[in-house]
Amino acid sequence: MKITIDVDDSLEQDYITIHCKELTDDILELQKTLVSQSSGRLRLSAFQDDVEHFLELKSIIFMESDGNYILIHTSTDIYKTRRKLYELEELLPRDFVRVSRSTIVNTLRISGIKKNITGASEISFSHSSKKAYASRNYIKALIDIMNEKRLKR
């Protein structure tokens, strides 16, 4: 891989372009990492009644499908969007992980996971009484991601 950095003081904002021979998993992971680094400035558009809100990603604890909508949960409110869950999964930084067919969680907001071998594992979040559930098919990947984030002794 070749990396080039051009400094141009005439630019109004920084931008990154990736040139690749083919779109591989490594390139997609690099894109998610770069988006994750700048996610403090990213916002997601969602509605509450007829009012459009622009939510900071760090305020979102999880998202779940509900019929034709995706419900976006923050600590205190619930918003709606018509985007598809798979679209959000592709757009969001790597801190957001799918934990079931119908749910994506923000791993930075997880405070605990109550494992259940026979059914869905319960996920609790910092500064919220809300809960989400991880299915048996997704729990191992979630645990692996949480272990990566844990401080090593």
Protein backbone atom coordinates (compact mmCIF):
# COMPACT_ATOMS: atom_id res chain seq x y z
CA MET A 1 0.00 0.00 0.00
CA LYS A 2 1.28 3.43 -0.92
CA ILE A 3 0.33 6.46 1.20
CA THR A 4 0.65 10.05 0.04
CA ILE A 5 -0.19 13.19 2.03
CA ASP A 6 -0.57 16.51 0.21
CA VAL A 7 -0.73 19.67 2.31
CA ASP A 8 -2.80 22.37 0.63
CA ASP A 9 -3.49 25.49 2.71
CA SER A 10 -6.09 26.68 0.19
CA LEU A 11 -8.52 23.91 1.23
CA GLU A 12 -11.46 24.90 3.40
CA GLN A 13 -11.68 21.45 5.00
CA ASP A 14 -9.70 18.22 5.02
CA TYR A 15 -10.80 15.35 2.83
CA ILE A 16 -9.50 11.86 2.17
CA THR A 17 -9.69 9.93 -1.09
CA ILE A 18 -8.85 6.24 -1.27
CA HIS A 19 -7.69 4.89 -4.61
CA CYS A 20 -7.80 1.10 -4.83
CA LYS A 21 -7.57 -1.62 -7.43
CA GLU A 22 -10.62 -3.36 -5.92
CA LEU A 23 -12.92 -2.82 -2.97
CA THR A 24 -11.75 -5.32 -0.34
CA ASP A 25 -12.73 -5.92 3.27
CA ASP A 26 -9.48 -4.21 4.33
CA ILE A 27 -10.40 -1.05 2.39
CA LEU A 28 -13.90 -1.03 3.88
CA GLU A 29 -12.41 -1.47 7.37
CA LEU A 30 -10.05 1.44 6.69
CA GLN A 31 -13.02 3.58 5.63
CA LYS A 32 -14.93 2.70 8.82
CA THR A 33 -11.86 3.49 10.93
CA LEU A 34 -11.48 6.91 9.30
CA VAL A 35 -15.18 7.65 9.74
CA SER A 36 -14.94 6.51 13.36
CA GLN A 37 -12.09 8.95 13.99
CA SER A 38 -14.17 11.85 12.73
CA SER A 39 -17.50 10.66 14.17
CA GLY A 40 -17.52 13.36 16.83
CA ARG A 41 -18.67 15.74 14.11
CA LEU A 42 -21.03 13.35 12.33
CA ARG A 43 -24.77 13.63 12.86
CA LEU A 44 -27.69 11.45 11.91
CA SER A 45 -30.95 12.96 10.72
CA ALA A 46 -34.07 11.57 12.44
CA PHE A 47 -37.60 12.70 13.22
CA GLN A 48 -39.66 13.11 16.36
CA ASP A 49 -43.24 13.92 15.39
CA ASP A 50 -42.84 16.39 12.50
CA VAL A 51 -39.55 17.88 13.71
CA GLU A 52 -36.28 16.83 12.09
CA HIS A 53 -33.41 16.45 14.56
CA PHE A 54 -29.72 16.06 13.88
CA LEU A 55 -28.39 13.59 16.46
CA GLU A 56 -24.77 13.39 17.47
CA LEU A 57 -23.64 9.79 17.08
CA LYS A 58 -22.26 9.69 20.62
CA SER A 59 -25.77 10.36 21.97
CA ILE A 60 -27.24 7.27 20.29
CA ILE A 61 -27.34 4.14 22.44
CA PHE A 62 -29.05 1.75 20.02
CA MET A 63 -31.30 1.45 16.97
CA GLU A 64 -34.00 -1.10 16.31
CA SER A 65 -36.36 -1.82 13.45
CA ASP A 66 -40.07 -1.27 13.98
CA GLY A 67 -42.15 -1.94 10.88
CA ASN A 68 -41.26 0.60 8.19
CA TYR A 69 -39.14 2.69 10.57
CA ILE A 70 -35.93 2.44 12.52
CA LEU A 71 -36.28 3.68 16.09
CA ILE A 72 -33.18 5.52 17.29
CA HIS A 73 -32.80 5.48 21.08
CA THR A 74 -30.89 8.06 23.07
CA SER A 75 -30.81 8.06 26.87
CA THR A 76 -33.99 10.11 27.09
CA ASP A 77 -35.77 10.05 23.72
CA ILE A 78 -36.76 7.94 20.73
CA TYR A 79 -36.51 9.21 17.15
CA LYS A 80 -37.56 7.67 13.83
CA THR A 81 -35.92 7.33 10.45
CA ARG A 82 -37.00 5.60 7.26
CA ARG A 83 -33.50 4.39 6.45
CA LYS A 84 -32.94 0.65 6.41
CA LEU A 85 -30.91 -1.01 9.15
CA TYR A 86 -28.38 -2.37 6.67
CA GLU A 87 -27.88 1.16 5.26
CA LEU A 88 -27.17 2.52 8.73
CA GLU A 89 -24.83 -0.39 9.43
CA GLU A 90 -22.78 0.53 6.35
CA LEU A 91 -22.73 4.27 7.12
CA LEU A 92 -21.99 4.22 10.83
CA PRO A 93 -18.50 3.96 12.31
CA ARG A 94 -17.23 0.67 13.66
CA ASP A 95 -18.37 1.52 17.21
CA PHE A 96 -21.88 0.63 16.02
CA VAL A 97 -22.40 -3.13 15.80
CA ARG A 98 -25.35 -5.27 14.78
CA VAL A 99 -26.41 -7.54 17.66
CA SER A 100 -29.53 -9.08 16.11
CA ARG A 101 -31.46 -9.04 12.85
CA SER A 102 -33.28 -5.93 14.07
CA THR A 103 -30.82 -4.08 16.36
CA ILE A 104 -27.56 -2.10 16.15
CA VAL A 105 -25.88 -0.89 19.36
CA ASN A 106 -23.29 1.77 20.13
CA THR A 107 -20.52 -0.23 21.83
CA LEU A 108 -19.13 2.93 23.44
CA ARG A 109 -22.34 3.21 25.50
CA ILE A 110 -22.54 -0.43 26.69
CA SER A 111 -22.13 -0.79 30.44
CA GLY A 112 -22.92 -4.50 30.76
CA ILE A 113 -23.95 -7.69 29.01
CA LYS A 114 -25.97 -10.34 30.82
CA LYS A 115 -25.22 -13.52 28.88
CA ASN A 116 -27.97 -16.03 28.28
CA ILE A 117 -26.89 -19.26 26.62
CA THR A 118 -30.41 -20.37 25.64
CA GLY A 119 -31.83 -17.04 24.45
CA ALA A 120 -31.05 -13.39 23.80
CA SER A 121 -28.41 -11.73 25.98
CA GLU A 122 -29.42 -8.48 27.68
CA ILE A 123 -27.35 -5.35 26.98
CA SER A 124 -27.45 -2.43 29.40
CA PHE A 125 -26.17 1.07 28.69
CA SER A 126 -24.39 3.82 30.61
CA HIS A 127 -26.68 6.54 32.00
CA SER A 128 -29.85 4.85 30.74
CA SER A 129 -32.37 2.31 31.95
CA LYS A 130 -33.02 1.14 28.38
CA LYS A 131 -32.09 -2.40 27.33
CA ALA A 132 -31.32 -4.08 24.01
CA TYR A 133 -30.95 -7.76 23.26
CA ALA A 134 -28.26 -9.63 21.35
CA SER A 135 -29.23 -12.88 19.66
CA ARG A 136 -27.17 -16.04 20.02
CA ASN A 137 -25.90 -15.66 16.44
CA TYR A 138 -24.37 -12.22 17.14
CA ILE A 139 -23.27 -12.35 20.81
CA LYS A 140 -19.82 -13.86 20.20
CA ALA A 141 -18.86 -11.07 17.77
CA LEU A 142 -20.09 -8.45 20.26
CA ILE A 143 -18.12 -10.00 23.12
CA ASP A 144 -14.98 -10.08 20.92
CA ILE A 145 -15.39 -6.38 20.08
CA MET A 146 -15.95 -5.47 23.72
CA ASN A 147 -12.83 -7.46 24.70
CA GLU A 148 -10.80 -5.46 22.16
CA LYS A 149 -11.93 -2.24 23.87
CA ARG A 150 -11.17 -3.49 27.37
CA LEU A 151 -8.03 -2.33 29.13
CA LYS A 152 -5.35 -5.00 29.17
CA ARG A 153 -3.60 -5.81 32.44
